[in-house]
């Protein structure tokens, strides 16, 4: 394979993997911008979304696209209830309490998923499984990878239109920027926060279903949230475009390091890139510097 084509192949593979990181990172950012909470159970919400899809598509035998939509709806409803019944109680508490709560929830979700669906890896057939797309000049991508990239672009477009063109989306932006002002303007801030958790969980479900042709479903697949968190920090924690950019960078760096460097370099190299960027630009690539007057 020609060196240029090989690099393009690695970049394309890394972009597909990075889109998954970016979508999960997007969940981190949406919640943080609205509530200033860091949800360390975001990866486990993705895992639950994958198991919901497995239930609808494989166990119940529903059409793939219908099962996809139901998985998003079920995971979104779970995220809404999670905030309304549990996480709302810790708003205003020290960040350490929030971190410990979400970490504890992550362990609970993994244990509960294991009790319900078992600890063996499972999966289901998708319209993209075992199919390839030939782009000429030797560049070949699995249709599962193409679906991840296209799905990410569509999701970003939908979220952009939602947040910029709908009354609810604008209300969510207002609530995230100034909760008190939004409350005085008649916006039900608590309900809006729960809806943001629902959207964040739904985005995680989209990432989960798109990932299934590439990776089997098991209770530990939520650990991908660690890489997604790194992607969110790299892009600028609080920047929605930054979450996606950070995810793609992490994915591409991993692929290039895995091919050109010795075994085991993938994780090390991506973390070195993260630390290097933060040393030069502590707020991340697309993050904003916030200065407080004393």
C-alpha atoms as a PDB file:
ATOM      1  CA  UNK A   1       0.000   0.000   0.000  1.00  0.00           C
ATOM      2  CA  UNK A   2       1.287   3.457  -0.913  1.00  0.00           C
ATOM      3  CA  UNK A   3       2.405   5.541   2.082  1.00  0.00           C
ATOM      4  CA  UNK A   4      -0.071   8.327   1.304  1.00  0.00           C
ATOM      5  CA  UNK A   5      -2.970   5.888   1.044  1.00  0.00           C
ATOM      6  CA  UNK A   6      -1.844   4.171   4.244  1.00  0.00           C
ATOM      7  CA  UNK A   7      -1.856   7.467   6.110  1.00  0.00           C
ATOM      8  CA  UNK A   8      -5.284   8.337   4.689  1.00  0.00           C
ATOM      9  CA  UNK A   9      -6.540   4.927   5.791  1.00  0.00           C
ATOM     10  CA  UNK A  10      -5.240   5.455   9.315  1.00  0.00           C
ATOM     11  CA  UNK A  11      -6.664   8.977   9.465  1.00  0.00           C
ATOM     12  CA  UNK A  12     -10.067   7.736   8.280  1.00  0.00           C
ATOM     13  CA  UNK A  13     -10.055   4.899  10.832  1.00  0.00           C
ATOM     14  CA  UNK A  14      -9.005   7.340  13.535  1.00  0.00           C
ATOM     15  CA  UNK A  15     -11.706   9.800  12.541  1.00  0.00           C
ATOM     16  CA  UNK A  16     -14.362   7.098  12.917  1.00  0.00           C
ATOM     17  CA  UNK A  17     -13.061   6.126  16.360  1.00  0.00           C
ATOM     18  CA  UNK A  18     -12.698   9.788  17.292  1.00  0.00           C
ATOM     19  CA  UNK A  19     -16.314  10.503  16.366  1.00  0.00           C
ATOM     20  CA  UNK A  20     -17.399   7.988  19.018  1.00  0.00           C
ATOM     21  CA  UNK A  21     -15.145   9.664  21.584  1.00  0.00           C
ATOM     22  CA  UNK A  22     -16.471  13.028  20.481  1.00  0.00           C
ATOM     23  CA  UNK A  23     -20.132  12.059  20.842  1.00  0.00           C
ATOM     24  CA  UNK A  24     -19.572  10.750  24.366  1.00  0.00           C
ATOM     25  CA  UNK A  25     -17.480  13.849  25.151  1.00  0.00           C
ATOM     26  CA  UNK A  26     -20.373  15.935  23.875  1.00  0.00           C
ATOM     27  CA  UNK A  27     -22.474  14.480  26.686  1.00  0.00           C
ATOM     28  CA  UNK A  28     -19.880  15.585  29.245  1.00  0.00           C
ATOM     29  CA  UNK A  29     -19.881  19.102  27.821  1.00  0.00           C
ATOM     30  CA  UNK A  30     -23.661  19.526  27.549  1.00  0.00           C
ATOM     31  CA  UNK A  31     -24.151  18.599  31.194  1.00  0.00           C
ATOM     32  CA  UNK A  32     -21.217  20.672  32.414  1.00  0.00           C
ATOM     33  CA  UNK A  33     -22.306  23.798  30.513  1.00  0.00           C
ATOM     34  CA  UNK A  34     -25.792  23.584  31.980  1.00  0.00           C
ATOM     35  CA  UNK A  35     -25.227  22.404  35.541  1.00  0.00           C
ATOM     36  CA  UNK A  36     -21.440  22.647  36.123  1.00  0.00           C
ATOM     37  CA  UNK A  37     -21.557  18.923  36.966  1.00  0.00           C
ATOM     38  CA  UNK A  38     -19.001  16.465  35.615  1.00  0.00           C
ATOM     39  CA  UNK A  39     -20.852  13.228  34.893  1.00  0.00           C
ATOM     40  CA  UNK A  40     -18.368  10.385  35.233  1.00  0.00           C
ATOM     41  CA  UNK A  41     -21.174   7.922  34.463  1.00  0.00           C
ATOM     42  CA  UNK A  42     -21.493   9.187  30.876  1.00  0.00           C
ATOM     43  CA  UNK A  43     -19.729   6.121  29.472  1.00  0.00           C
ATOM     44  CA  UNK A  44     -22.097   3.869  31.390  1.00  0.00           C
ATOM     45  CA  UNK A  45     -25.084   5.694  29.884  1.00  0.00           C
ATOM     46  CA  UNK A  46     -23.625   4.746  26.505  1.00  0.00           C
ATOM     47  CA  UNK A  47     -23.343   1.140  27.684  1.00  0.00           C
ATOM     48  CA  UNK A  48     -26.995   1.135  28.779  1.00  0.00           C
ATOM     49  CA  UNK A  49     -27.988   2.568  25.410  1.00  0.00           C
ATOM     50  CA  UNK A  50     -26.202  -0.308  23.688  1.00  0.00           C
ATOM     51  CA  UNK A  51     -27.999  -2.867  25.849  1.00  0.00           C
ATOM     52  CA  UNK A  52     -31.355  -1.179  25.200  1.00  0.00           C
ATOM     53  CA  UNK A  53     -30.677  -1.426  21.461  1.00  0.00           C
ATOM     54  CA  UNK A  54     -29.661  -5.084  21.866  1.00  0.00           C
ATOM     55  CA  UNK A  55     -32.947  -5.771  23.658  1.00  0.00           C
ATOM     56  CA  UNK A  56     -35.098  -4.063  21.036  1.00  0.00           C
ATOM     57  CA  UNK A  57     -33.276  -5.324  17.938  1.00  0.00           C
ATOM     58  CA  UNK A  58     -31.874  -8.735  18.864  1.00  0.00           C
ATOM     59  CA  UNK A  59     -34.127 -10.003  21.654  1.00  0.00           C
ATOM     60  CA  UNK A  60     -37.427  -8.474  20.526  1.00  0.00           C
ATOM     61  CA  UNK A  61     -36.677  -8.764  16.817  1.00  0.00           C
ATOM     62  CA  UNK A  62     -37.602  -5.198  15.914  1.00  0.00           C
ATOM     63  CA  UNK A  63     -36.420  -3.435  12.775  1.00  0.00           C
ATOM     64  CA  UNK A  64     -32.916  -1.944  13.189  1.00  0.00           C
ATOM     65  CA  UNK A  65     -33.993   1.665  12.647  1.00  0.00           C
ATOM     66  CA  UNK A  66     -37.007   1.351  14.927  1.00  0.00           C
ATOM     67  CA  UNK A  67     -34.839  -0.282  17.590  1.00  0.00           C
ATOM     68  CA  UNK A  68     -32.282   2.506  17.127  1.00  0.00           C
ATOM     69  CA  UNK A  69     -34.899   5.192  17.788  1.00  0.00           C
ATOM     70  CA  UNK A  70     -36.385   3.300  20.739  1.00  0.00           C
ATOM     71  CA  UNK A  71     -32.920   2.892  22.278  1.00  0.00           C
ATOM     72  CA  UNK A  72     -32.344   6.647  22.018  1.00  0.00           C
ATOM     73  CA  UNK A  73     -35.756   7.346  23.559  1.00  0.00           C
ATOM     74  CA  UNK A  74     -35.284   4.820  26.379  1.00  0.00           C
ATOM     75  CA  UNK A  75     -31.802   6.062  27.242  1.00  0.00           C
ATOM     76  CA  UNK A  76     -32.972   9.676  27.078  1.00  0.00           C
ATOM     77  CA  UNK A  77     -35.881   8.899  29.413  1.00  0.00           C
ATOM     78  CA  UNK A  78     -33.452   7.184  31.777  1.00  0.00           C
ATOM     79  CA  UNK A  79     -31.207  10.258  31.753  1.00  0.00           C
ATOM     80  CA  UNK A  80     -34.189  12.528  32.463  1.00  0.00           C
ATOM     81  CA  UNK A  81     -35.298  10.429  35.450  1.00  0.00           C
ATOM     82  CA  UNK A  82     -31.736  10.118  36.695  1.00  0.00           C
ATOM     83  CA  UNK A  83     -31.479  13.878  37.002  1.00  0.00           C
ATOM     84  CA  UNK A  84     -35.003  14.467  38.259  1.00  0.00           C
ATOM     85  CA  UNK A  85     -34.872  11.791  40.968  1.00  0.00           C
ATOM     86  CA  UNK A  86     -31.205  11.626  41.994  1.00  0.00           C
ATOM     87  CA  UNK A  87     -28.799  14.224  40.667  1.00  0.00           C
ATOM     88  CA  UNK A  88     -30.988  17.250  41.248  1.00  0.00           C
ATOM     89  CA  UNK A  89     -30.524  16.666  44.975  1.00  0.00           C
ATOM     90  CA  UNK A  90     -26.795  17.444  44.794  1.00  0.00           C
ATOM     91  CA  UNK A  91     -26.957  20.676  42.795  1.00  0.00           C
ATOM     92  CA  UNK A  92     -25.021  23.287  44.729  1.00  0.00           C
ATOM     93  CA  UNK A  93     -23.011  20.689  46.648  1.00  0.00           C
ATOM     94  CA  UNK A  94     -19.179  20.571  46.448  1.00  0.00           C
ATOM     95  CA  UNK A  95     -17.823  19.153  43.193  1.00  0.00           C
ATOM     96  CA  UNK A  96     -16.215  16.302  45.111  1.00  0.00           C
ATOM     97  CA  UNK A  97     -19.647  15.064  46.199  1.00  0.00           C
ATOM     98  CA  UNK A  98     -20.908  15.195  42.608  1.00  0.00           C
ATOM     99  CA  UNK A  99     -17.860  13.326  41.312  1.00  0.00           C
ATOM    100  CA  UNK A 100     -18.209  10.600  43.921  1.00  0.00           C
ATOM    101  CA  UNK A 101     -21.941  10.268  43.237  1.00  0.00           C
ATOM    102  CA  UNK A 102     -21.509   9.870  39.473  1.00  0.00           C
ATOM    103  CA  UNK A 103     -18.613   7.450  39.957  1.00  0.00           C
ATOM    104  CA  UNK A 104     -20.784   5.414  42.314  1.00  0.00           C
ATOM    105  CA  UNK A 105     -23.624   5.463  39.794  1.00  0.00           C
ATOM    106  CA  UNK A 106     -21.227   4.173  37.127  1.00  0.00           C
ATOM    107  CA  UNK A 107     -20.429   1.098  39.259  1.00  0.00           C
ATOM    108  CA  UNK A 108     -24.134   0.586  39.991  1.00  0.00           C
ATOM    109  CA  UNK A 109     -25.037   0.774  36.294  1.00  0.00           C
ATOM    110  CA  UNK A 110     -22.369  -1.780  35.365  1.00  0.00           C
ATOM    111  CA  UNK A 111     -23.473  -4.176  38.090  1.00  0.00           C
ATOM    112  CA  UNK A 112     -27.154  -3.768  37.194  1.00  0.00           C
ATOM    113  CA  UNK A 113     -26.467  -4.316  33.489  1.00  0.00           C
ATOM    114  CA  UNK A 114     -24.520  -7.467  34.344  1.00  0.00           C
ATOM    115  CA  UNK A 115     -27.391  -8.755  36.469  1.00  0.00           C
ATOM    116  CA  UNK A 116     -29.955  -8.105  33.705  1.00  0.00           C
ATOM    117  CA  UNK A 117     -28.084  -8.906  30.494  1.00  0.00           C
ATOM    118  CA  UNK A 118     -25.178 -10.981  31.802  1.00  0.00           C
ATOM    119  CA  UNK A 119     -21.438 -10.461  31.582  1.00  0.00           C
ATOM    120  CA  UNK A 120     -20.849 -12.142  28.209  1.00  0.00           C
ATOM    121  CA  UNK A 121     -20.253  -9.931  25.183  1.00  0.00           C
ATOM    122  CA  UNK A 122     -23.266  -9.678  22.877  1.00  0.00           C
ATOM    123  CA  UNK A 123     -24.160  -7.864  19.675  1.00  0.00           C
ATOM    124  CA  UNK A 124     -26.639  -7.603  16.842  1.00  0.00           C
ATOM    125  CA  UNK A 125     -26.575  -7.356  13.069  1.00  0.00           C
ATOM    126  CA  UNK A 126     -26.785  -3.905  11.505  1.00  0.00           C
ATOM    127  CA  UNK A 127     -27.230  -2.802   7.882  1.00  0.00           C
ATOM    128  CA  UNK A 128     -23.505  -1.933   7.884  1.00  0.00           C
ATOM    129  CA  UNK A 129     -22.070  -5.150   9.350  1.00  0.00           C
ATOM    130  CA  UNK A 130     -19.326  -6.788   7.243  1.00  0.00           C
ATOM    131  CA  UNK A 131     -19.736  -4.349   4.348  1.00  0.00           C
ATOM    132  CA  UNK A 132     -17.052  -2.158   2.839  1.00  0.00           C
ATOM    133  CA  UNK A 133     -16.965   1.021   0.791  1.00  0.00           C
ATOM    134  CA  UNK A 134     -14.183   1.407  -1.773  1.00  0.00           C
ATOM    135  CA  UNK A 135     -13.155   5.026  -2.343  1.00  0.00           C
ATOM    136  CA  UNK A 136     -10.580   4.225  -5.003  1.00  0.00           C
ATOM    137  CA  UNK A 137      -6.760   4.386  -4.959  1.00  0.00           C
ATOM    138  CA  UNK A 138      -6.718   1.576  -2.404  1.00  0.00           C
ATOM    139  CA  UNK A 139      -8.657   3.455   0.295  1.00  0.00           C
ATOM    140  CA  UNK A 140     -11.213   1.064   1.763  1.00  0.00           C
ATOM    141  CA  UNK A 141     -13.454   1.716   4.747  1.00  0.00           C
ATOM    142  CA  UNK A 142     -15.993  -0.481   6.423  1.00  0.00           C
ATOM    143  CA  UNK A 143     -19.506   0.856   6.047  1.00  0.00           C
ATOM    144  CA  UNK A 144     -19.746   0.695   9.833  1.00  0.00           C
ATOM    145  CA  UNK A 145     -16.998   3.325  10.023  1.00  0.00           C
ATOM    146  CA  UNK A 146     -18.642   5.416   7.326  1.00  0.00           C
ATOM    147  CA  UNK A 147     -21.926   5.220   9.251  1.00  0.00           C
ATOM    148  CA  UNK A 148     -20.176   6.520  12.379  1.00  0.00           C
ATOM    149  CA  UNK A 149     -18.762   9.544  10.561  1.00  0.00           C
ATOM    150  CA  UNK A 150     -21.995  10.309   8.688  1.00  0.00           C
ATOM    151  CA  UNK A 151     -24.053   9.744  11.841  1.00  0.00           C
ATOM    152  CA  UNK A 152     -21.872  12.193  13.766  1.00  0.00           C
ATOM    153  CA  UNK A 153     -22.284  14.860  11.090  1.00  0.00           C
ATOM    154  CA  UNK A 154     -26.067  14.392  11.050  1.00  0.00           C
ATOM    155  CA  UNK A 155     -26.218  14.479  14.865  1.00  0.00           C
ATOM    156  CA  UNK A 156     -24.200  17.696  14.985  1.00  0.00           C
ATOM    157  CA  UNK A 157     -26.509  19.277  12.418  1.00  0.00           C
ATOM    158  CA  UNK A 158     -29.605  18.255  14.355  1.00  0.00           C
ATOM    159  CA  UNK A 159     -28.186  19.579  17.640  1.00  0.00           C
ATOM    160  CA  UNK A 160     -27.146  22.845  16.005  1.00  0.00           C
ATOM    161  CA  UNK A 161     -30.616  23.402  14.586  1.00  0.00           C
ATOM    162  CA  UNK A 162     -32.218  22.413  17.886  1.00  0.00           C
ATOM    163  CA  UNK A 163     -30.151  24.767  20.036  1.00  0.00           C
ATOM    164  CA  UNK A 164     -30.251  27.693  17.604  1.00  0.00           C
ATOM    165  CA  UNK A 165     -33.707  27.495  16.016  1.00  0.00           C
ATOM    166  CA  UNK A 166     -36.129  26.090  18.613  1.00  0.00           C
ATOM    167  CA  UNK A 167     -37.592  27.838  21.655  1.00  0.00           C
ATOM    168  CA  UNK A 168     -36.626  24.921  23.907  1.00  0.00           C
ATOM    169  CA  UNK A 169     -33.061  24.910  22.613  1.00  0.00           C
ATOM    170  CA  UNK A 170     -32.719  28.653  23.165  1.00  0.00           C
ATOM    171  CA  UNK A 171     -34.196  28.238  26.653  1.00  0.00           C
ATOM    172  CA  UNK A 172     -31.559  25.596  27.369  1.00  0.00           C
ATOM    173  CA  UNK A 173     -28.802  27.959  26.261  1.00  0.00           C
ATOM    174  CA  UNK A 174     -30.227  30.721  28.442  1.00  0.00           C
ATOM    175  CA  UNK A 175     -30.427  28.401  31.457  1.00  0.00           C
ATOM    176  CA  UNK A 176     -26.833  27.292  31.016  1.00  0.00           C
ATOM    177  CA  UNK A 177     -25.585  30.890  30.773  1.00  0.00           C
ATOM    178  CA  UNK A 178     -27.529  32.413  33.676  1.00  0.00           C
ATOM    179  CA  UNK A 179     -29.830  30.207  35.724  1.00  0.00           C
ATOM    180  CA  UNK A 180     -31.304  33.004  37.842  1.00  0.00           C
ATOM    181  CA  UNK A 181     -32.073  35.264  34.881  1.00  0.00           C
ATOM    182  CA  UNK A 182     -33.623  32.352  33.010  1.00  0.00           C
ATOM    183  CA  UNK A 183     -35.801  31.559  36.045  1.00  0.00           C
ATOM    184  CA  UNK A 184     -37.027  35.154  36.259  1.00  0.00           C
ATOM    185  CA  UNK A 185     -37.873  35.044  32.562  1.00  0.00           C
ATOM    186  CA  UNK A 186     -40.239  32.152  33.241  1.00  0.00           C
ATOM    187  CA  UNK A 187     -38.049  29.290  32.059  1.00  0.00           C
ATOM    188  CA  UNK A 188     -38.541  26.103  34.150  1.00  0.00           C
ATOM    189  CA  UNK A 189     -34.835  25.700  34.848  1.00  0.00           C
ATOM    190  CA  UNK A 190     -35.058  22.386  36.700  1.00  0.00           C
ATOM    191  CA  UNK A 191     -37.063  20.774  33.917  1.00  0.00           C
ATOM    192  CA  UNK A 192     -34.639  22.186  31.351  1.00  0.00           C
ATOM    193  CA  UNK A 193     -31.725  20.650  33.233  1.00  0.00           C
ATOM    194  CA  UNK A 194     -33.430  17.251  33.226  1.00  0.00           C
ATOM    195  CA  UNK A 195     -34.038  17.600  29.484  1.00  0.00           C
ATOM    196  CA  UNK A 196     -30.345  18.363  28.967  1.00  0.00           C
ATOM    197  CA  UNK A 197     -29.508  15.152  30.824  1.00  0.00           C
ATOM    198  CA  UNK A 198     -31.973  13.368  28.536  1.00  0.00           C
ATOM    199  CA  UNK A 199     -30.293  14.803  25.425  1.00  0.00           C
ATOM    200  CA  UNK A 200     -26.864  13.882  26.769  1.00  0.00           C
ATOM    201  CA  UNK A 201     -27.983  10.310  27.408  1.00  0.00           C
ATOM    202  CA  UNK A 202     -29.632  10.137  23.982  1.00  0.00           C
ATOM    203  CA  UNK A 203     -26.397  11.263  22.305  1.00  0.00           C
ATOM    204  CA  UNK A 204     -24.552   8.525  24.211  1.00  0.00           C
ATOM    205  CA  UNK A 205     -27.094   6.000  22.888  1.00  0.00           C
ATOM    206  CA  UNK A 206     -26.447   7.150  19.318  1.00  0.00           C
ATOM    207  CA  UNK A 207     -22.715   6.595  19.848  1.00  0.00           C
ATOM    208  CA  UNK A 208     -23.420   3.153  21.328  1.00  0.00           C
ATOM    209  CA  UNK A 209     -25.552   1.887  18.451  1.00  0.00           C
ATOM    210  CA  UNK A 210     -23.120   3.196  15.841  1.00  0.00           C
ATOM    211  CA  UNK A 211     -20.260   1.502  17.708  1.00  0.00           C
ATOM    212  CA  UNK A 212     -21.898  -1.941  17.823  1.00  0.00           C
ATOM    213  CA  UNK A 213     -20.660  -3.161  14.397  1.00  0.00           C
ATOM    214  CA  UNK A 214     -17.111  -2.313  15.506  1.00  0.00           C
ATOM    215  CA  UNK A 215     -17.184  -3.421  19.149  1.00  0.00           C
ATOM    216  CA  UNK A 216     -19.247  -5.996  20.994  1.00  0.00           C
ATOM    217  CA  UNK A 217     -21.530  -4.927  23.834  1.00  0.00           C
ATOM    218  CA  UNK A 218     -20.463  -5.739  27.387  1.00  0.00           C
ATOM    219  CA  UNK A 219     -20.702  -4.135  30.799  1.00  0.00           C
ATOM    220  CA  UNK A 220     -17.222  -2.622  30.509  1.00  0.00           C
ATOM    221  CA  UNK A 221     -17.714  -0.832  27.186  1.00  0.00           C
ATOM    222  CA  UNK A 222     -18.563   2.306  29.165  1.00  0.00           C
ATOM    223  CA  UNK A 223     -14.884   2.654  30.044  1.00  0.00           C
ATOM    224  CA  UNK A 224     -14.601   4.413  26.700  1.00  0.00           C
ATOM    225  CA  UNK A 225     -15.835   7.372  28.732  1.00  0.00           C
ATOM    226  CA  UNK A 226     -12.275   7.813  30.030  1.00  0.00           C
ATOM    227  CA  UNK A 227     -11.014   8.573  26.514  1.00  0.00           C
ATOM    228  CA  UNK A 228     -14.069  10.720  25.878  1.00  0.00           C
ATOM    229  CA  UNK A 229     -13.328  12.752  29.006  1.00  0.00           C
ATOM    230  CA  UNK A 230      -9.775  13.272  27.756  1.00  0.00           C
ATOM    231  CA  UNK A 231     -11.203  14.392  24.415  1.00  0.00           C
ATOM    232  CA  UNK A 232     -13.494  16.896  26.146  1.00  0.00           C
ATOM    233  CA  UNK A 233     -10.561  18.313  28.127  1.00  0.00           C
ATOM    234  CA  UNK A 234      -8.372  18.453  25.019  1.00  0.00           C
ATOM    235  CA  UNK A 235     -10.984  20.333  23.012  1.00  0.00           C
ATOM    236  CA  UNK A 236     -11.835  22.659  25.878  1.00  0.00           C
ATOM    237  CA  UNK A 237     -14.161  21.507  28.626  1.00  0.00           C
ATOM    238  CA  UNK A 238     -17.296  23.518  27.971  1.00  0.00           C
ATOM    239  CA  UNK A 239     -16.870  23.834  24.205  1.00  0.00           C
ATOM    240  CA  UNK A 240     -19.297  21.744  22.129  1.00  0.00           C
ATOM    241  CA  UNK A 241     -17.228  21.939  18.907  1.00  0.00           C
ATOM    242  CA  UNK A 242     -14.139  21.321  21.031  1.00  0.00           C
ATOM    243  CA  UNK A 243     -15.515  18.003  22.277  1.00  0.00           C
ATOM    244  CA  UNK A 244     -15.805  16.709  18.713  1.00  0.00           C
ATOM    245  CA  UNK A 245     -12.454  18.139  17.628  1.00  0.00           C
ATOM    246  CA  UNK A 246     -10.755  16.644  20.692  1.00  0.00           C
ATOM    247  CA  UNK A 247     -12.343  13.256  20.043  1.00  0.00           C
ATOM    248  CA  UNK A 248     -11.170  13.171  16.423  1.00  0.00           C
ATOM    249  CA  UNK A 249      -7.635  14.204  17.434  1.00  0.00           C
ATOM    250  CA  UNK A 250      -7.439  11.455  20.058  1.00  0.00           C
ATOM    251  CA  UNK A 251      -8.756   8.875  17.569  1.00  0.00           C
ATOM    252  CA  UNK A 252      -6.302   9.834  14.807  1.00  0.00           C
ATOM    253  CA  UNK A 253      -3.306  10.002  17.158  1.00  0.00           C
ATOM    254  CA  UNK A 254      -4.146   6.540  18.488  1.00  0.00           C
ATOM    255  CA  UNK A 255      -4.319   5.045  14.997  1.00  0.00           C
ATOM    256  CA  UNK A 256      -1.062   6.636  13.832  1.00  0.00           C
ATOM    257  CA  UNK A 257       0.753   5.662  17.027  1.00  0.00           C
ATOM    258  CA  UNK A 258      -0.569   2.109  16.882  1.00  0.00           C
ATOM    259  CA  UNK A 259       0.833   1.649  13.382  1.00  0.00           C
ATOM    260  CA  UNK A 260       4.117   3.563  13.446  1.00  0.00           C
ATOM    261  CA  UNK A 261       5.187   3.140  17.082  1.00  0.00           C
ATOM    262  CA  UNK A 262       5.851   0.040  19.213  1.00  0.00           C
ATOM    263  CA  UNK A 263       2.998  -1.945  20.729  1.00  0.00           C
ATOM    264  CA  UNK A 264       1.332  -0.235  23.666  1.00  0.00           C
ATOM    265  CA  UNK A 265       2.044   3.262  22.366  1.00  0.00           C
ATOM    266  CA  UNK A 266      -1.551   4.123  21.502  1.00  0.00           C
ATOM    267  CA  UNK A 267      -2.699   5.063  25.001  1.00  0.00           C
ATOM    268  CA  UNK A 268       0.613   6.688  25.901  1.00  0.00           C
ATOM    269  CA  UNK A 269       0.797   8.863  22.791  1.00  0.00           C
ATOM    270  CA  UNK A 270      -2.746  10.211  23.057  1.00  0.00           C
ATOM    271  CA  UNK A 271      -2.122  11.167  26.684  1.00  0.00           C
ATOM    272  CA  UNK A 272       1.155  12.855  25.762  1.00  0.00           C
ATOM    273  CA  UNK A 273      -0.694  14.930  23.164  1.00  0.00           C
ATOM    274  CA  UNK A 274      -3.330  15.837  25.763  1.00  0.00           C
ATOM    275  CA  UNK A 275      -0.736  16.932  28.316  1.00  0.00           C
ATOM    276  CA  UNK A 276       1.267  18.855  25.701  1.00  0.00           C
ATOM    277  CA  UNK A 277      -1.770  20.830  24.577  1.00  0.00           C
ATOM    278  CA  UNK A 278      -2.800  21.597  28.158  1.00  0.00           C
ATOM    279  CA  UNK A 279       0.683  22.841  29.020  1.00  0.00           C
ATOM    280  CA  UNK A 280       0.598  25.277  26.105  1.00  0.00           C
ATOM    281  CA  UNK A 281      -3.125  26.073  26.308  1.00  0.00           C
ATOM    282  CA  UNK A 282      -4.610  25.039  29.686  1.00  0.00           C
ATOM    283  CA  UNK A 283      -8.184  25.870  28.636  1.00  0.00           C
ATOM    284  CA  UNK A 284      -8.002  23.398  25.744  1.00  0.00           C
ATOM    285  CA  UNK A 285      -7.958  23.967  21.997  1.00  0.00           C
ATOM    286  CA  UNK A 286     -11.316  25.715  21.688  1.00  0.00           C
ATOM    287  CA  UNK A 287     -11.964  26.581  25.321  1.00  0.00           C
ATOM    288  CA  UNK A 288     -12.302  30.127  26.564  1.00  0.00           C
ATOM    289  CA  UNK A 289     -10.154  31.691  29.250  1.00  0.00           C
ATOM    290  CA  UNK A 290     -12.277  32.969  32.117  1.00  0.00           C
ATOM    291  CA  UNK A 291     -10.700  35.526  34.436  1.00  0.00           C
ATOM    292  CA  UNK A 292     -12.214  36.581  37.704  1.00  0.00           C
ATOM    293  CA  UNK A 293     -11.613  39.964  39.298  1.00  0.00           C
ATOM    294  CA  UNK A 294     -10.749  39.870  42.960  1.00  0.00           C
END
